[in-house]
Amino acid sequence: ALSRAAALGDEAAVARSLEAGALPDMPDGSGYAPLARAVHGGHFNAARALLKAGAWVHLTSGDGASPLEIAARAGDTRLVQLLLNASAKARPGLASETGSRVLHYEASTGHARQSWCPRAGADRYIDDGWTALSRAAALGDEAAVARSLEAGALPDMPDGSGYAPLARAVHGGHFNAARALLKAGAWVHLTSGDGASPLEIAARAGDTRLVQLLLNASAKARP
């Protein structure tokens, strides 16, 4: 309900959904959070309401774009300024040894351009939409998962396809990596790019160990 209201720019429906307990960052089945839907539709008031409710301004969507990038591509100066005021920073591009590529918005021209700046944090995208943590989780590399988390990577940061690290670990059948992510605070209910929760992914695969792990973390299948 919240993602649809945001996509339509229905500020009243957005408010009702939030008052009813909807999570402001809950992605839809395509991996798009409500803020991204509002920004994509050019709905300033809905975006502002979501930000006030705590929507994470840095959260990337199913195509790997941040809300700021979406607004910049559309040349929507009001939304760009709103997101900048919320300390938005564009999703880093491919990292190099000396820096990472970020998006800069030129209000005077209405265009976005990319340039190089000092290296971004642990959640930067390193290759084809992957973060270091999402790739480590997908490979079941528990040591690399631990290193990424210690470096400050967010356990629920989705990759460019809208899949969080926990979903990647569960999809690969990697029990230890999934357990490490849960211990680090990964949200067990978070759905992924295809709309499935980690529990649903594990159940479909018939992985009883992972199912039990997720149930022990109070997982409940997405309605």
C-alpha atoms as a PDB file:
ATOM      1  CA  ALA A   1       0.000   0.000   0.000  1.00  0.00           C
ATOM      2  CA  LEU A   2       2.800   2.422   0.866  1.00  0.00           C
ATOM      3  CA  SER A   3       4.800   1.856  -2.304  1.00  0.00           C
ATOM      4  CA  ARG A   4       1.698   2.309  -4.462  1.00  0.00           C
ATOM      5  CA  ALA A   5       0.703   5.476  -2.610  1.00  0.00           C
ATOM      6  CA  ALA A   6       4.224   6.831  -3.046  1.00  0.00           C
ATOM      7  CA  ALA A   7       4.255   5.978  -6.751  1.00  0.00           C
ATOM      8  CA  LEU A   8       0.945   7.792  -7.214  1.00  0.00           C
ATOM      9  CA  GLY A   9       2.013  10.755  -5.115  1.00  0.00           C
ATOM     10  CA  ASP A  10      -0.976  10.244  -2.826  1.00  0.00           C
ATOM     11  CA  GLU A  11       0.306  12.074   0.236  1.00  0.00           C
ATOM     12  CA  ALA A  12      -2.782  11.266   2.315  1.00  0.00           C
ATOM     13  CA  ALA A  13      -2.473   7.543   1.558  1.00  0.00           C
ATOM     14  CA  VAL A  14       1.246   7.695   2.346  1.00  0.00           C
ATOM     15  CA  ALA A  15       0.410   9.229   5.719  1.00  0.00           C
ATOM     16  CA  ARG A  16      -2.257   6.603   6.429  1.00  0.00           C
ATOM     17  CA  SER A  17       0.100   3.749   5.588  1.00  0.00           C
ATOM     18  CA  LEU A  18       2.837   5.146   7.796  1.00  0.00           C
ATOM     19  CA  GLU A  19       0.395   5.721  10.654  1.00  0.00           C
ATOM     20  CA  ALA A  20      -0.739   2.108  10.259  1.00  0.00           C
ATOM     21  CA  GLY A  21       2.837   0.975  10.836  1.00  0.00           C
ATOM     22  CA  ALA A  22       4.184   0.562   7.310  1.00  0.00           C
ATOM     23  CA  LEU A  23       7.979   0.565   7.196  1.00  0.00           C
ATOM     24  CA  PRO A  24       9.220   3.555   5.161  1.00  0.00           C
ATOM     25  CA  ASP A  25      12.023   1.541   3.527  1.00  0.00           C
ATOM     26  CA  MET A  26      10.078  -1.645   2.761  1.00  0.00           C
ATOM     27  CA  PRO A  27      10.793  -2.452  -0.906  1.00  0.00           C
ATOM     28  CA  ASP A  28       8.151  -3.673  -3.301  1.00  0.00           C
ATOM     29  CA  GLY A  29       8.432  -6.804  -5.401  1.00  0.00           C
ATOM     30  CA  SER A  30      10.749  -5.078  -7.864  1.00  0.00           C
ATOM     31  CA  GLY A  31      13.184  -3.991  -5.176  1.00  0.00           C
ATOM     32  CA  TYR A  32      12.081  -0.340  -5.120  1.00  0.00           C
ATOM     33  CA  ALA A  33      11.599   1.428  -1.802  1.00  0.00           C
ATOM     34  CA  PRO A  34       8.713   3.903  -1.396  1.00  0.00           C
ATOM     35  CA  LEU A  35      11.065   6.905  -1.524  1.00  0.00           C
ATOM     36  CA  ALA A  36      12.421   5.778  -4.886  1.00  0.00           C
ATOM     37  CA  ARG A  37       8.868   5.356  -6.180  1.00  0.00           C
ATOM     38  CA  ALA A  38       7.916   8.842  -5.031  1.00  0.00           C
ATOM     39  CA  VAL A  39      11.036  10.412  -6.521  1.00  0.00           C
ATOM     40  CA  HIS A  40      10.632   8.509  -9.783  1.00  0.00           C
ATOM     41  CA  GLY A  41       7.123   9.900 -10.099  1.00  0.00           C
ATOM     42  CA  GLY A  42       8.276  13.416  -9.287  1.00  0.00           C
ATOM     43  CA  HIS A  43       6.111  13.542  -6.168  1.00  0.00           C
ATOM     44  CA  PHE A  44       7.789  16.093  -3.909  1.00  0.00           C
ATOM     45  CA  ASN A  45       5.286  16.040  -1.034  1.00  0.00           C
ATOM     46  CA  ALA A  46       5.196  12.248  -0.839  1.00  0.00           C
ATOM     47  CA  ALA A  47       8.997  12.110  -0.869  1.00  0.00           C
ATOM     48  CA  ARG A  48       9.189  14.732   1.865  1.00  0.00           C
ATOM     49  CA  ALA A  49       6.684  12.807   3.998  1.00  0.00           C
ATOM     50  CA  LEU A  50       8.699   9.607   3.630  1.00  0.00           C
ATOM     51  CA  LEU A  51      11.923  11.358   4.571  1.00  0.00           C
ATOM     52  CA  LYS A  52      10.237  12.820   7.645  1.00  0.00           C
ATOM     53  CA  ALA A  53       9.116   9.296   8.549  1.00  0.00           C
ATOM     54  CA  GLY A  54      12.714   8.110   8.455  1.00  0.00           C
ATOM     55  CA  ALA A  55      13.113   6.761   4.924  1.00  0.00           C
ATOM     56  CA  TRP A  56      16.793   6.146   4.262  1.00  0.00           C
ATOM     57  CA  VAL A  57      17.922   8.656   1.670  1.00  0.00           C
ATOM     58  CA  HIS A  58      20.882   6.519   0.566  1.00  0.00           C
ATOM     59  CA  LEU A  59      18.885   3.353  -0.140  1.00  0.00           C
ATOM     60  CA  THR A  60      19.371   2.143  -3.702  1.00  0.00           C
ATOM     61  CA  SER A  61      16.604   0.480  -5.674  1.00  0.00           C
ATOM     62  CA  GLY A  62      16.107  -2.408  -8.043  1.00  0.00           C
ATOM     63  CA  ASP A  63      18.205  -0.794 -10.762  1.00  0.00           C
ATOM     64  CA  GLY A  64      20.957   0.235  -8.339  1.00  0.00           C
ATOM     65  CA  ALA A  65      20.113   3.951  -8.411  1.00  0.00           C
ATOM     66  CA  SER A  66      19.794   6.152  -5.352  1.00  0.00           C
ATOM     67  CA  PRO A  67      16.874   8.589  -4.985  1.00  0.00           C
ATOM     68  CA  LEU A  68      19.247  11.459  -5.748  1.00  0.00           C
ATOM     69  CA  GLU A  69      20.374   9.820  -8.968  1.00  0.00           C
ATOM     70  CA  ILE A  70      16.762   9.278 -10.028  1.00  0.00           C
ATOM     71  CA  ALA A  71      15.918  12.925  -9.371  1.00  0.00           C
ATOM     72  CA  ALA A  72      19.073  14.167 -11.071  1.00  0.00           C
ATOM     73  CA  ARG A  73      18.441  12.124 -14.203  1.00  0.00           C
ATOM     74  CA  ALA A  74      14.958  13.622 -14.400  1.00  0.00           C
ATOM     75  CA  GLY A  75      16.303  17.140 -13.911  1.00  0.00           C
ATOM     76  CA  ASP A  76      13.942  17.683 -10.968  1.00  0.00           C
ATOM     77  CA  THR A  77      15.693  20.487  -9.100  1.00  0.00           C
ATOM     78  CA  ARG A  78      13.190  20.601  -6.221  1.00  0.00           C
ATOM     79  CA  LEU A  79      13.608  16.923  -5.446  1.00  0.00           C
ATOM     80  CA  VAL A  80      17.363  17.127  -5.881  1.00  0.00           C
ATOM     81  CA  GLN A  81      17.511  19.930  -3.336  1.00  0.00           C
ATOM     82  CA  LEU A  82      15.207  18.052  -0.962  1.00  0.00           C
ATOM     83  CA  LEU A  83      17.469  15.012  -1.085  1.00  0.00           C
ATOM     84  CA  LEU A  84      20.631  17.068  -0.801  1.00  0.00           C
ATOM     85  CA  ASN A  85      19.153  18.731   2.264  1.00  0.00           C
ATOM     86  CA  ALA A  86      18.669  15.246   3.680  1.00  0.00           C
ATOM     87  CA  SER A  87      22.395  14.689   3.171  1.00  0.00           C
ATOM     88  CA  ALA A  88      21.874  12.483   0.148  1.00  0.00           C
ATOM     89  CA  LYS A  89      24.961  11.261  -1.637  1.00  0.00           C
ATOM     90  CA  ALA A  90      24.778   9.496  -4.974  1.00  0.00           C
ATOM     91  CA  ARG A  91      25.587   5.793  -5.068  1.00  0.00           C
ATOM     92  CA  PRO A  92      29.295   5.318  -5.749  1.00  0.00           C
ATOM     93  CA  GLY A  93      30.166   3.818  -9.079  1.00  0.00           C
ATOM     94  CA  LEU A  94      33.030   1.475  -9.813  1.00  0.00           C
ATOM     95  CA  ALA A  95      35.780   1.897  -7.255  1.00  0.00           C
ATOM     96  CA  SER A  96      39.438   2.391  -8.114  1.00  0.00           C
ATOM     97  CA  GLU A  97      42.536   2.338  -5.947  1.00  0.00           C
ATOM     98  CA  THR A  98      42.414   6.096  -5.592  1.00  0.00           C
ATOM     99  CA  GLY A  99      38.750   6.956  -5.460  1.00  0.00           C
ATOM    100  CA  SER A 100      35.193   6.238  -6.449  1.00  0.00           C
ATOM    101  CA  ARG A 101      32.884   7.796  -8.979  1.00  0.00           C
ATOM    102  CA  VAL A 102      29.977   9.814  -7.638  1.00  0.00           C
ATOM    103  CA  LEU A 103      27.205  11.781  -9.207  1.00  0.00           C
ATOM    104  CA  HIS A 104      27.245  15.559  -9.027  1.00  0.00           C
ATOM    105  CA  TYR A 105      24.191  17.590  -9.912  1.00  0.00           C
ATOM    106  CA  GLU A 106      24.596  20.862 -11.753  1.00  0.00           C
ATOM    107  CA  ALA A 107      21.476  22.886 -11.014  1.00  0.00           C
ATOM    108  CA  SER A 108      22.492  25.522 -13.522  1.00  0.00           C
ATOM    109  CA  THR A 109      22.340  23.112 -16.450  1.00  0.00           C
ATOM    110  CA  GLY A 110      19.822  20.586 -15.157  1.00  0.00           C
ATOM    111  CA  HIS A 111      22.214  17.752 -15.917  1.00  0.00           C
ATOM    112  CA  ALA A 112      24.004  15.180 -13.841  1.00  0.00           C
ATOM    113  CA  ARG A 113      27.651  14.407 -14.361  1.00  0.00           C
ATOM    114  CA  GLN A 114      30.073  11.946 -12.818  1.00  0.00           C
ATOM    115  CA  SER A 115      33.489  12.752 -11.428  1.00  0.00           C
ATOM    116  CA  TRP A 116      36.042  11.219  -9.106  1.00  0.00           C
ATOM    117  CA  CYS A 117      36.320  11.906  -5.402  1.00  0.00           C
ATOM    118  CA  PRO A 118      38.057  10.213  -2.432  1.00  0.00           C
ATOM    119  CA  ARG A 119      37.146   6.589  -1.873  1.00  0.00           C
ATOM    120  CA  ALA A 120      33.653   6.011  -0.534  1.00  0.00           C
ATOM    121  CA  GLY A 121      32.743   3.785   2.408  1.00  0.00           C
ATOM    122  CA  ALA A 122      32.268   0.067   2.809  1.00  0.00           C
ATOM    123  CA  ASP A 123      28.947   0.087   0.941  1.00  0.00           C
ATOM    124  CA  ARG A 124      30.384   1.259  -2.378  1.00  0.00           C
ATOM    125  CA  TYR A 125      29.478  -0.720  -5.484  1.00  0.00           C
ATOM    126  CA  ILE A 126      32.578  -2.521  -6.665  1.00  0.00           C
ATOM    127  CA  ASP A 127      31.543  -4.353  -9.822  1.00  0.00           C
ATOM    128  CA  ASP A 128      28.359  -4.717 -11.863  1.00  0.00           C
ATOM    129  CA  GLY A 129      26.141  -3.540  -9.015  1.00  0.00           C
ATOM    130  CA  TRP A 130      27.727  -5.726  -6.328  1.00  0.00           C
ATOM    131  CA  THR A 131      28.887  -4.497  -2.944  1.00  0.00           C
ATOM    132  CA  ALA A 132      31.770  -6.306  -1.268  1.00  0.00           C
ATOM    133  CA  LEU A 133      29.377  -7.629   1.368  1.00  0.00           C
ATOM    134  CA  SER A 134      26.742  -8.847  -1.089  1.00  0.00           C
ATOM    135  CA  ARG A 135      29.362 -10.668  -3.143  1.00  0.00           C
ATOM    136  CA  ALA A 136      30.923 -12.255  -0.049  1.00  0.00           C
ATOM    137  CA  ALA A 137      27.474 -13.369   1.113  1.00  0.00           C
ATOM    138  CA  ALA A 138      26.624 -14.831  -2.292  1.00  0.00           C
ATOM    139  CA  LEU A 139      29.883 -16.802  -2.274  1.00  0.00           C
ATOM    140  CA  GLY A 140      29.451 -17.906   1.327  1.00  0.00           C
ATOM    141  CA  ASP A 141      32.809 -16.374   2.221  1.00  0.00           C
ATOM    142  CA  GLU A 142      32.312 -15.976   5.955  1.00  0.00           C
ATOM    143  CA  ALA A 143      35.694 -14.312   6.486  1.00  0.00           C
ATOM    144  CA  ALA A 144      34.997 -11.726   3.786  1.00  0.00           C
ATOM    145  CA  VAL A 145      31.531 -11.125   5.253  1.00  0.00           C
ATOM    146  CA  ALA A 146      33.154 -10.451   8.625  1.00  0.00           C
ATOM    147  CA  ARG A 147      35.728  -8.097   7.090  1.00  0.00           C
ATOM    148  CA  SER A 148      33.059  -6.102   5.272  1.00  0.00           C
ATOM    149  CA  LEU A 149      30.938  -5.778   8.390  1.00  0.00           C
ATOM    150  CA  GLU A 150      33.954  -4.741  10.457  1.00  0.00           C
ATOM    151  CA  ALA A 151      34.713  -2.098   7.821  1.00  0.00           C
ATOM    152  CA  GLY A 152      31.273  -0.627   8.412  1.00  0.00           C
ATOM    153  CA  ALA A 153      29.178  -2.207   5.656  1.00  0.00           C
ATOM    154  CA  LEU A 154      25.450  -2.058   6.354  1.00  0.00           C
ATOM    155  CA  PRO A 155      24.044  -5.596   6.707  1.00  0.00           C
ATOM    156  CA  ASP A 156      20.871  -4.716   4.777  1.00  0.00           C
ATOM    157  CA  MET A 157      22.461  -2.705   1.947  1.00  0.00           C
ATOM    158  CA  PRO A 158      20.972  -4.131  -1.274  1.00  0.00           C
ATOM    159  CA  ASP A 159      23.002  -4.766  -4.384  1.00  0.00           C
ATOM    160  CA  GLY A 160      22.122  -3.367  -7.776  1.00  0.00           C
ATOM    161  CA  SER A 161      19.453  -6.031  -8.300  1.00  0.00           C
ATOM    162  CA  GLY A 162      17.656  -5.189  -5.068  1.00  0.00           C
ATOM    163  CA  TYR A 163      18.930  -8.200  -3.112  1.00  0.00           C
ATOM    164  CA  ALA A 164      20.187  -7.744   0.433  1.00  0.00           C
ATOM    165  CA  PRO A 165      23.240  -9.726   1.614  1.00  0.00           C
ATOM    166  CA  LEU A 166      21.100 -12.065   3.735  1.00  0.00           C
ATOM    167  CA  ALA A 167      19.016 -13.012   0.711  1.00  0.00           C
ATOM    168  CA  ARG A 168      22.200 -13.666  -1.274  1.00  0.00           C
ATOM    169  CA  ALA A 169      23.585 -15.895   1.475  1.00  0.00           C
ATOM    170  CA  VAL A 170      20.324 -17.821   1.845  1.00  0.00           C
ATOM    171  CA  HIS A 171      19.913 -18.209  -1.909  1.00  0.00           C
ATOM    172  CA  GLY A 172      23.371 -19.763  -2.056  1.00  0.00           C
ATOM    173  CA  GLY A 173      22.651 -22.066   0.872  1.00  0.00           C
ATOM    174  CA  HIS A 174      25.409 -20.498   2.958  1.00  0.00           C
ATOM    175  CA  PHE A 175      24.397 -21.126   6.563  1.00  0.00           C
ATOM    176  CA  ASN A 176      27.424 -19.587   8.283  1.00  0.00           C
ATOM    177  CA  ALA A 177      27.321 -16.411   6.212  1.00  0.00           C
ATOM    178  CA  ALA A 178      23.590 -16.045   6.875  1.00  0.00           C
ATOM    179  CA  ARG A 179      24.123 -16.565  10.591  1.00  0.00           C
ATOM    180  CA  ALA A 180      26.874 -13.941  10.650  1.00  0.00           C
ATOM    181  CA  LEU A 181      24.628 -11.424   8.891  1.00  0.00           C
ATOM    182  CA  LEU A 182      21.776 -12.070  11.308  1.00  0.00           C
ATOM    183  CA  LYS A 183      24.139 -11.575  14.237  1.00  0.00           C
ATOM    184  CA  ALA A 184      25.190  -8.275  12.668  1.00  0.00           C
ATOM    185  CA  GLY A 185      21.578  -7.122  12.622  1.00  0.00           C
ATOM    186  CA  ALA A 186      20.387  -8.066   9.134  1.00  0.00           C
ATOM    187  CA  TRP A 187      16.613  -7.710   8.982  1.00  0.00           C
ATOM    188  CA  VAL A 188      15.149 -11.185   8.627  1.00  0.00           C
ATOM    189  CA  HIS A 189      11.892  -9.910   7.092  1.00  0.00           C
ATOM    190  CA  LEU A 190      13.477  -7.861   4.300  1.00  0.00           C
ATOM    191  CA  THR A 191      12.193  -8.895   0.884  1.00  0.00           C
ATOM    192  CA  SER A 192      14.435  -8.879  -2.154  1.00  0.00           C
ATOM    193  CA  GLY A 193      14.299  -7.998  -5.824  1.00  0.00           C
ATOM    194  CA  ASP A 194      11.787 -10.746  -6.587  1.00  0.00           C
ATOM    195  CA  GLY A 195       9.639  -9.937  -3.551  1.00  0.00           C
ATOM    196  CA  ALA A 196      10.650 -13.037  -1.573  1.00  0.00           C
ATOM    197  CA  SER A 197      11.751 -13.038   2.054  1.00  0.00           C
ATOM    198  CA  PRO A 198      14.831 -15.009   3.176  1.00  0.00           C
ATOM    199  CA  LEU A 199      12.533 -17.597   4.759  1.00  0.00           C
ATOM    200  CA  GLU A 200      10.656 -18.082   1.508  1.00  0.00           C
ATOM    201  CA  ILE A 201      13.927 -18.508  -0.386  1.00  0.00           C
ATOM    202  CA  ALA A 202      15.139 -21.134   2.081  1.00  0.00           C
ATOM    203  CA  ALA A 203      11.784 -22.926   2.130  1.00  0.00           C
ATOM    204  CA  ARG A 204      11.614 -23.125  -1.658  1.00  0.00           C
ATOM    205  CA  ALA A 205      15.084 -24.672  -1.690  1.00  0.00           C
ATOM    206  CA  GLY A 206      14.123 -27.170   1.003  1.00  0.00           C
ATOM    207  CA  ASP A 207      17.053 -26.056   3.159  1.00  0.00           C
ATOM    208  CA  THR A 208      15.852 -27.104   6.606  1.00  0.00           C
ATOM    209  CA  ARG A 209      18.907 -25.740   8.452  1.00  0.00           C
ATOM    210  CA  LEU A 210      18.447 -22.275   7.012  1.00  0.00           C
ATOM    211  CA  VAL A 211      14.695 -22.417   7.538  1.00  0.00           C
ATOM    212  CA  GLN A 212      15.250 -23.217  11.206  1.00  0.00           C
ATOM    213  CA  LEU A 213      17.876 -20.485  11.521  1.00  0.00           C
ATOM    214  CA  LEU A 214      15.452 -17.925  10.119  1.00  0.00           C
ATOM    215  CA  LEU A 215      12.557 -19.199  12.205  1.00  0.00           C
ATOM    216  CA  ASN A 216      14.748 -18.881  15.274  1.00  0.00           C
ATOM    217  CA  ALA A 217      15.281 -15.269  14.265  1.00  0.00           C
ATOM    218  CA  SER A 218      11.496 -14.860  14.342  1.00  0.00           C
ATOM    219  CA  ALA A 219      11.208 -14.875  10.567  1.00  0.00           C
ATOM    220  CA  LYS A 220       7.730 -14.859   9.108  1.00  0.00           C
ATOM    221  CA  ALA A 221       7.033 -15.404   5.427  1.00  0.00           C
ATOM    222  CA  ARG A 222       5.969 -12.323   3.472  1.00  0.00           C
ATOM    223  CA  PRO A 223       2.174 -12.273   3.123  1.00  0.00           C
END
